[in-house]
Amino acid sequence: MIVDADHLMADPVYDPERCSIGFHPLHTLPAIGFYVLLFVLPLIFDRKNENQSIEKILNILHLAGLGLLIHMALDGIDCLL
């Protein structure tokens, strides 16, 4: 995923003992908060909109937010192990 592009800015690029959450820019709490908004906002707005293009955009935002949150959860599990 593109969200892991921020790993290339780290030195060293890969460290098996490093926790990604809070270290990489796209893995910080503000970024995770944005991912929550991507997931939740389409649920708040009426998804049964007459405009099909808006409904498609909301679906894409919702799924992107879900994917990013799953990614952060998996990275968080790595921090615990």
PDB file of N, CA and C in Angstrom:
ATOM      1  N   MET A   1       0.829  -1.185   0.000  1.00  0.00           N
ATOM      2  CA  MET A   1       0.000   0.000   0.000  1.00  0.00           C
ATOM      3  C   MET A   1       0.871   1.246   0.000  1.00  0.00           C
ATOM      4  N   ILE A   2       0.303   2.298  -0.484  1.00  0.00           N
ATOM      5  CA  ILE A   2       1.011   3.577  -0.538  1.00  0.00           C
ATOM      6  C   ILE A   2       1.331   4.083   0.870  1.00  0.00           C
ATOM      7  N   VAL A   3       0.516   3.693   1.849  1.00  0.00           N
ATOM      8  CA  VAL A   3       0.737   4.159   3.221  1.00  0.00           C
ATOM      9  C   VAL A   3       2.094   3.711   3.755  1.00  0.00           C
ATOM     10  N   ASP A   4       2.665   2.666   3.195  1.00  0.00           N
ATOM     11  CA  ASP A   4       3.982   2.202   3.637  1.00  0.00           C
ATOM     12  C   ASP A   4       5.131   2.909   2.929  1.00  0.00           C
ATOM     13  N   ALA A   5       4.842   3.859   2.055  1.00  0.00           N
ATOM     14  CA  ALA A   5       5.907   4.614   1.391  1.00  0.00           C
ATOM     15  C   ALA A   5       6.716   5.421   2.403  1.00  0.00           C
ATOM     16  N   ASP A   6       6.093   5.768   3.531  1.00  0.00           N
ATOM     17  CA  ASP A   6       6.826   6.531   4.543  1.00  0.00           C
ATOM     18  C   ASP A   6       7.921   5.714   5.213  1.00  0.00           C
ATOM     19  N   HIS A   7       7.911   4.407   5.039  1.00  0.00           N
ATOM     20  CA  HIS A   7       8.985   3.564   5.579  1.00  0.00           C
ATOM     21  C   HIS A   7      10.309   3.863   4.878  1.00  0.00           C
ATOM     22  N   LEU A   8      10.233   4.336   3.636  1.00  0.00           N
ATOM     23  CA  LEU A   8      11.455   4.634   2.884  1.00  0.00           C
ATOM     24  C   LEU A   8      12.197   5.842   3.445  1.00  0.00           C
ATOM     25  N   MET A   9      11.517   6.666   4.246  1.00  0.00           N
ATOM     26  CA  MET A   9      12.161   7.838   4.843  1.00  0.00           C
ATOM     27  C   MET A   9      12.876   7.500   6.147  1.00  0.00           C
ATOM     28  N   ALA A  10      12.682   6.292   6.644  1.00  0.00           N
ATOM     29  CA  ALA A  10      13.281   5.894   7.922  1.00  0.00           C
ATOM     30  C   ALA A  10      14.715   5.431   7.712  1.00  0.00           C
ATOM     31  N   ASP A  11      15.501   5.553   8.759  1.00  0.00           N
ATOM     32  CA  ASP A  11      16.879   5.076   8.714  1.00  0.00           C
ATOM     33  C   ASP A  11      17.108   4.189   9.935  1.00  0.00           C
ATOM     34  N   PRO A  12      17.283   2.910   9.769  1.00  0.00           N
ATOM     35  CA  PRO A  12      17.266   2.129   8.531  1.00  0.00           C
ATOM     36  C   PRO A  12      15.832   1.946   8.022  1.00  0.00           C
ATOM     37  N   VAL A  13      15.720   1.597   6.741  1.00  0.00           N
ATOM     38  CA  VAL A  13      14.403   1.427   6.132  1.00  0.00           C
ATOM     39  C   VAL A  13      13.625   0.341   6.861  1.00  0.00           C
ATOM     40  N   TYR A  14      14.277  -0.755   7.195  1.00  0.00           N
ATOM     41  CA  TYR A  14      13.609  -1.853   7.908  1.00  0.00           C
ATOM     42  C   TYR A  14      14.339  -2.144   9.206  1.00  0.00           C
ATOM     43  N   ASP A  15      13.598  -2.159  10.276  1.00  0.00           N
ATOM     44  CA  ASP A  15      14.129  -2.541  11.582  1.00  0.00           C
ATOM     45  C   ASP A  15      13.089  -3.443  12.246  1.00  0.00           C
ATOM     46  N   PRO A  16      13.381  -4.730  12.386  1.00  0.00           N
ATOM     47  CA  PRO A  16      12.375  -5.652  12.923  1.00  0.00           C
ATOM     48  C   PRO A  16      11.969  -5.343  14.364  1.00  0.00           C
ATOM     49  N   GLU A  17      12.766  -4.584  15.083  1.00  0.00           N
ATOM     50  CA  GLU A  17      12.459  -4.262  16.476  1.00  0.00           C
ATOM     51  C   GLU A  17      11.710  -2.941  16.631  1.00  0.00           C
ATOM     52  N   ARG A  18      11.494  -2.213  15.539  1.00  0.00           N
ATOM     53  CA  ARG A  18      10.866  -0.887  15.604  1.00  0.00           C
ATOM     54  C   ARG A  18       9.352  -1.018  15.437  1.00  0.00           C
ATOM     55  N   CYS A  19       8.615  -0.246  16.214  1.00  0.00           N
ATOM     56  CA  CYS A  19       7.164  -0.179  16.090  1.00  0.00           C
ATOM     57  C   CYS A  19       6.817   0.927  15.093  1.00  0.00           C
ATOM     58  N   SER A  20       6.085   0.584  14.058  1.00  0.00           N
ATOM     59  CA  SER A  20       5.722   1.562  13.031  1.00  0.00           C
ATOM     60  C   SER A  20       4.765   2.622  13.557  1.00  0.00           C
ATOM     61  N   ILE A  21       3.874   2.234  14.469  1.00  0.00           N
ATOM     62  CA  ILE A  21       2.876   3.164  14.986  1.00  0.00           C
ATOM     63  C   ILE A  21       3.580   4.244  15.797  1.00  0.00           C
ATOM     64  N   GLY A  22       3.362   5.485  15.395  1.00  0.00           N
ATOM     65  CA  GLY A  22       3.978   6.613  16.074  1.00  0.00           C
ATOM     66  C   GLY A  22       5.358   6.969  15.558  1.00  0.00           C
ATOM     67  N   PHE A  23       5.958   6.119  14.734  1.00  0.00           N
ATOM     68  CA  PHE A  23       7.301   6.394  14.225  1.00  0.00           C
ATOM     69  C   PHE A  23       7.241   6.988  12.825  1.00  0.00           C
ATOM     70  N   HIS A  24       6.514   6.366  11.943  1.00  0.00           N
ATOM     71  CA  HIS A  24       6.419   6.837  10.559  1.00  0.00           C
ATOM     72  C   HIS A  24       5.306   7.883  10.443  1.00  0.00           C
ATOM     73  N   PRO A  25       5.480   8.887   9.577  1.00  0.00           N
ATOM     74  CA  PRO A  25       4.493   9.981   9.478  1.00  0.00           C
ATOM     75  C   PRO A  25       3.064   9.521   9.179  1.00  0.00           C
ATOM     76  N   LEU A  26       2.897   8.522   8.336  1.00  0.00           N
ATOM     77  CA  LEU A  26       1.551   8.053   7.999  1.00  0.00           C
ATOM     78  C   LEU A  26       1.026   7.016   8.987  1.00  0.00           C
ATOM     79  N   HIS A  27       1.772   6.800  10.070  1.00  0.00           N
ATOM     80  CA  HIS A  27       1.374   5.859  11.117  1.00  0.00           C
ATOM     81  C   HIS A  27       1.239   6.567  12.471  1.00  0.00           C
ATOM     82  N   THR A  28       1.060   7.881  12.457  1.00  0.00           N
ATOM     83  CA  THR A  28       0.924   8.653  13.693  1.00  0.00           C
ATOM     84  C   THR A  28      -0.549   8.746  14.093  1.00  0.00           C
ATOM     85  N   LEU A  29      -0.808   9.182  15.310  1.00  0.00           N
ATOM     86  CA  LEU A  29      -2.187   9.301  15.780  1.00  0.00           C
ATOM     87  C   LEU A  29      -3.017  10.289  14.955  1.00  0.00           C
ATOM     88  N   PRO A  30      -2.474  11.461  14.549  1.00  0.00           N
ATOM     89  CA  PRO A  30      -3.277  12.334  13.683  1.00  0.00           C
ATOM     90  C   PRO A  30      -3.643  11.669  12.351  1.00  0.00           C
ATOM     91  N   ALA A  31      -2.715  10.931  11.781  1.00  0.00           N
ATOM     92  CA  ALA A  31      -3.007  10.232  10.524  1.00  0.00           C
ATOM     93  C   ALA A  31      -4.070   9.161  10.752  1.00  0.00           C
ATOM     94  N   ILE A  32      -3.968   8.431  11.855  1.00  0.00           N
ATOM     95  CA  ILE A  32      -4.957   7.396  12.162  1.00  0.00           C
ATOM     96  C   ILE A  32      -6.327   8.036  12.400  1.00  0.00           C
ATOM     97  N   GLY A  33      -6.347   9.205  13.020  1.00  0.00           N
ATOM     98  CA  GLY A  33      -7.604   9.938  13.189  1.00  0.00           C
ATOM     99  C   GLY A  33      -8.234  10.296  11.854  1.00  0.00           C
ATOM    100  N   PHE A  34      -7.404  10.679  10.891  1.00  0.00           N
ATOM    101  CA  PHE A  34      -7.895  10.969   9.538  1.00  0.00           C
ATOM    102  C   PHE A  34      -8.468   9.710   8.895  1.00  0.00           C
ATOM    103  N   TYR A  35      -7.826   8.566   9.113  1.00  0.00           N
ATOM    104  CA  TYR A  35      -8.324   7.301   8.559  1.00  0.00           C
ATOM    105  C   TYR A  35      -9.676   6.941   9.180  1.00  0.00           C
ATOM    106  N   VAL A  36      -9.841   7.255  10.465  1.00  0.00           N
ATOM    107  CA  VAL A  36     -11.136   7.024  11.119  1.00  0.00           C
ATOM    108  C   VAL A  36     -12.207   7.890  10.459  1.00  0.00           C
ATOM    109  N   LEU A  37     -11.867   9.148  10.179  1.00  0.00           N
ATOM    110  CA  LEU A  37     -12.822  10.029   9.497  1.00  0.00           C
ATOM    111  C   LEU A  37     -13.182   9.495   8.117  1.00  0.00           C
ATOM    112  N   LEU A  38     -12.185   9.004   7.380  1.00  0.00           N
ATOM    113  CA  LEU A  38     -12.468   8.425   6.066  1.00  0.00           C
ATOM    114  C   LEU A  38     -13.455   7.268   6.183  1.00  0.00           C
ATOM    115  N   PHE A  39     -13.340   6.508   7.245  1.00  0.00           N
ATOM    116  CA  PHE A  39     -14.213   5.358   7.447  1.00  0.00           C
ATOM    117  C   PHE A  39     -15.605   5.778   7.926  1.00  0.00           C
ATOM    118  N   VAL A  40     -15.674   6.742   8.846  1.00  0.00           N
ATOM    119  CA  VAL A  40     -16.930   7.076   9.512  1.00  0.00           C
ATOM    120  C   VAL A  40     -17.784   8.075   8.728  1.00  0.00           C
ATOM    121  N   LEU A  41     -17.178   9.080   8.120  1.00  0.00           N
ATOM    122  CA  LEU A  41     -17.966  10.123   7.456  1.00  0.00           C
ATOM    123  C   LEU A  41     -18.930   9.582   6.407  1.00  0.00           C
ATOM    124  N   PRO A  42     -18.539   8.625   5.568  1.00  0.00           N
ATOM    125  CA  PRO A  42     -19.527   8.084   4.626  1.00  0.00           C
ATOM    126  C   PRO A  42     -20.703   7.396   5.323  1.00  0.00           C
ATOM    127  N   LEU A  43     -20.502   6.899   6.545  1.00  0.00           N
ATOM    128  CA  LEU A  43     -21.601   6.289   7.288  1.00  0.00           C
ATOM    129  C   LEU A  43     -22.558   7.347   7.819  1.00  0.00           C
ATOM    130  N   ILE A  44     -22.022   8.523   8.135  1.00  0.00           N
ATOM    131  CA  ILE A  44     -22.840   9.610   8.669  1.00  0.00           C
ATOM    132  C   ILE A  44     -23.703  10.223   7.569  1.00  0.00           C
ATOM    133  N   PHE A  45     -23.093  10.448   6.408  1.00  0.00           N
ATOM    134  CA  PHE A  45     -23.836  11.026   5.297  1.00  0.00           C
ATOM    135  C   PHE A  45     -24.726   9.968   4.668  1.00  0.00           C
ATOM    136  N   ASP A  46     -25.810  10.411   4.095  1.00  0.00           N
ATOM    137  CA  ASP A  46     -26.751   9.482   3.475  1.00  0.00           C
ATOM    138  C   ASP A  46     -26.099   8.794   2.290  1.00  0.00           C
ATOM    139  N   ARG A  47     -25.896   7.489   2.412  1.00  0.00           N
ATOM    140  CA  ARG A  47     -25.251   6.731   1.338  1.00  0.00           C
ATOM    141  C   ARG A  47     -26.242   6.362   0.244  1.00  0.00           C
ATOM    142  N   LYS A  48     -27.517   6.499   0.501  1.00  0.00           N
ATOM    143  CA  LYS A  48     -28.535   6.216  -0.512  1.00  0.00           C
ATOM    144  C   LYS A  48     -28.894   7.509  -1.237  1.00  0.00           C
ATOM    145  N   ASN A  49     -27.876   8.145  -1.765  1.00  0.00           N
ATOM    146  CA  ASN A  49     -28.032   9.414  -2.451  1.00  0.00           C
ATOM    147  C   ASN A  49     -28.545   9.170  -3.863  1.00  0.00           C
ATOM    148  N   GLU A  50     -29.304  10.128  -4.372  1.00  0.00           N
ATOM    149  CA  GLU A  50     -29.794  10.024  -5.746  1.00  0.00           C
ATOM    150  C   GLU A  50     -28.654  10.115  -6.747  1.00  0.00           C
ATOM    151  N   ASN A  51     -27.604  10.816  -6.379  1.00  0.00           N
ATOM    152  CA  ASN A  51     -26.467  10.998  -7.271  1.00  0.00           C
ATOM    153  C   ASN A  51     -25.541   9.787  -7.146  1.00  0.00           C
ATOM    154  N   GLN A  52     -25.476   8.990  -8.193  1.00  0.00           N
ATOM    155  CA  GLN A  52     -24.676   7.761  -8.179  1.00  0.00           C
ATOM    156  C   GLN A  52     -23.186   8.046  -8.015  1.00  0.00           C
ATOM    157  N   SER A  53     -22.696   9.146  -8.588  1.00  0.00           N
ATOM    158  CA  SER A  53     -21.262   9.434  -8.491  1.00  0.00           C
ATOM    159  C   SER A  53     -20.859   9.763  -7.054  1.00  0.00           C
ATOM    160  N   ILE A  54     -21.710  10.477  -6.329  1.00  0.00           N
ATOM    161  CA  ILE A  54     -21.410  10.786  -4.927  1.00  0.00           C
ATOM    162  C   ILE A  54     -21.435   9.507  -4.098  1.00  0.00           C
ATOM    163  N   GLU A  55     -22.389   8.631  -4.383  1.00  0.00           N
ATOM    164  CA  GLU A  55     -22.470   7.361  -3.658  1.00  0.00           C
ATOM    165  C   GLU A  55     -21.223   6.516  -3.898  1.00  0.00           C
ATOM    166  N   LYS A  56     -20.721   6.513  -5.130  1.00  0.00           N
ATOM    167  CA  LYS A  56     -19.498   5.760  -5.440  1.00  0.00           C
ATOM    168  C   LYS A  56     -18.300   6.338  -4.704  1.00  0.00           C
ATOM    169  N   ILE A  57     -18.198   7.660  -4.666  1.00  0.00           N
ATOM    170  CA  ILE A  57     -17.085   8.311  -3.970  1.00  0.00           C
ATOM    171  C   ILE A  57     -17.136   7.983  -2.479  1.00  0.00           C
ATOM    172  N   LEU A  58     -18.338   8.038  -1.889  1.00  0.00           N
ATOM    173  CA  LEU A  58     -18.476   7.708  -0.469  1.00  0.00           C
ATOM    174  C   LEU A  58     -18.100   6.257  -0.199  1.00  0.00           C
ATOM    175  N   ASN A  59     -18.472   5.361  -1.100  1.00  0.00           N
ATOM    176  CA  ASN A  59     -18.097   3.952  -0.939  1.00  0.00           C
ATOM    177  C   ASN A  59     -16.590   3.772  -1.004  1.00  0.00           C
ATOM    178  N   ILE A  60     -15.941   4.476  -1.931  1.00  0.00           N
ATOM    179  CA  ILE A  60     -14.483   4.382  -2.063  1.00  0.00           C
ATOM    180  C   ILE A  60     -13.801   4.918  -0.808  1.00  0.00           C
ATOM    181  N   LEU A  61     -14.260   6.069  -0.309  1.00  0.00           N
ATOM    182  CA  LEU A  61     -13.679   6.642   0.911  1.00  0.00           C
ATOM    183  C   LEU A  61     -13.867   5.700   2.098  1.00  0.00           C
ATOM    184  N   HIS A  62     -15.047   5.119   2.194  1.00  0.00           N
ATOM    185  CA  HIS A  62     -15.336   4.198   3.293  1.00  0.00           C
ATOM    186  C   HIS A  62     -14.409   2.979   3.241  1.00  0.00           C
ATOM    187  N   LEU A  63     -14.261   2.392   2.069  1.00  0.00           N
ATOM    188  CA  LEU A  63     -13.404   1.209   1.934  1.00  0.00           C
ATOM    189  C   LEU A  63     -11.931   1.551   2.121  1.00  0.00           C
ATOM    190  N   ALA A  64     -11.506   2.723   1.638  1.00  0.00           N
ATOM    191  CA  ALA A  64     -10.116   3.141   1.841  1.00  0.00           C
ATOM    192  C   ALA A  64      -9.840   3.333   3.331  1.00  0.00           C
ATOM    193  N   GLY A  65     -10.769   3.975   4.033  1.00  0.00           N
ATOM    194  CA  GLY A  65     -10.614   4.148   5.473  1.00  0.00           C
ATOM    195  C   GLY A  65     -10.555   2.817   6.199  1.00  0.00           C
ATOM    196  N   LEU A  66     -11.403   1.886   5.795  1.00  0.00           N
ATOM    197  CA  LEU A  66     -11.394   0.556   6.402  1.00  0.00           C
ATOM    198  C   LEU A  66     -10.060  -0.142   6.172  1.00  0.00           C
ATOM    199  N   GLY A  67      -9.560  -0.084   4.949  1.00  0.00           N
ATOM    200  CA  GLY A  67      -8.277  -0.715   4.640  1.00  0.00           C
ATOM    201  C   GLY A  67      -7.135  -0.109   5.432  1.00  0.00           C
ATOM    202  N   LEU A  68      -7.131   1.212   5.552  1.00  0.00           N
ATOM    203  CA  LEU A  68      -6.076   1.882   6.315  1.00  0.00           C
ATOM    204  C   LEU A  68      -6.157   1.536   7.801  1.00  0.00           C
ATOM    205  N   LEU A  69      -7.368   1.448   8.337  1.00  0.00           N
ATOM    206  CA  LEU A  69      -7.518   1.081   9.749  1.00  0.00           C
ATOM    207  C   LEU A  69      -7.094  -0.361  10.000  1.00  0.00           C
ATOM    208  N   ILE A  70      -7.410  -1.253   9.079  1.00  0.00           N
ATOM    209  CA  ILE A  70      -6.948  -2.639   9.215  1.00  0.00           C
ATOM    210  C   ILE A  70      -5.429  -2.686   9.170  1.00  0.00           C
ATOM    211  N   HIS A  71      -4.834  -1.903   8.275  1.00  0.00           N
ATOM    212  CA  HIS A  71      -3.374  -1.846   8.162  1.00  0.00           C
ATOM    213  C   HIS A  71      -2.758  -1.357   9.475  1.00  0.00           C
ATOM    214  N   MET A  72      -3.339  -0.298  10.064  1.00  0.00           N
ATOM    215  CA  MET A  72      -2.816   0.230  11.328  1.00  0.00           C
ATOM    216  C   MET A  72      -2.988  -0.792  12.450  1.00  0.00           C
ATOM    217  N   ALA A  73      -4.107  -1.517  12.449  1.00  0.00           N
ATOM    218  CA  ALA A  73      -4.323  -2.548  13.471  1.00  0.00           C
ATOM    219  C   ALA A  73      -3.279  -3.652  13.354  1.00  0.00           C
ATOM    220  N   LEU A  74      -2.990  -4.069  12.138  1.00  0.00           N
ATOM    221  CA  LEU A  74      -1.973  -5.111  11.946  1.00  0.00           C
ATOM    222  C   LEU A  74      -0.592  -4.619  12.354  1.00  0.00           C
ATOM    223  N   ASP A  75      -0.270  -3.364  12.016  1.00  0.00           N
ATOM    224  CA  ASP A  75       1.011  -2.805  12.459  1.00  0.00           C
ATOM    225  C   ASP A  75       1.048  -2.681  13.980  1.00  0.00           C
ATOM    226  N   GLY A  76      -0.094  -2.361  14.588  1.00  0.00           N
ATOM    227  CA  GLY A  76      -0.162  -2.281  16.044  1.00  0.00           C
ATOM    228  C   GLY A  76       0.055  -3.634  16.703  1.00  0.00           C
ATOM    229  N   ILE A  77      -0.473  -4.682  16.085  1.00  0.00           N
ATOM    230  CA  ILE A  77      -0.247  -6.037  16.606  1.00  0.00           C
ATOM    231  C   ILE A  77       1.235  -6.378  16.546  1.00  0.00           C
ATOM    232  N   ASP A  78       1.912  -5.961  15.467  1.00  0.00           N
ATOM    233  CA  ASP A  78       3.362  -6.187  15.365  1.00  0.00           C
ATOM    234  C   ASP A  78       4.105  -5.523  16.520  1.00  0.00           C
ATOM    235  N   CYS A  79       3.597  -4.392  16.994  1.00  0.00           N
ATOM    236  CA  CYS A  79       4.248  -3.697  18.107  1.00  0.00           C
ATOM    237  C   CYS A  79       4.125  -4.489  19.409  1.00  0.00           C
ATOM    238  N   LEU A  80       3.061  -5.270  19.520  1.00  0.00           N
ATOM    239  CA  LEU A  80       2.833  -6.037  20.742  1.00  0.00           C
ATOM    240  C   LEU A  80       3.635  -7.327  20.783  1.00  0.00           C
ATOM    241  N   LEU A  81       3.995  -7.843  19.621  1.00  0.00           N
ATOM    242  CA  LEU A  81       4.701  -9.134  19.562  1.00  0.00           C
ATOM    243  C   LEU A  81       6.182  -8.995  19.788  1.00  0.00           C
TER     244      LEU A  81
END
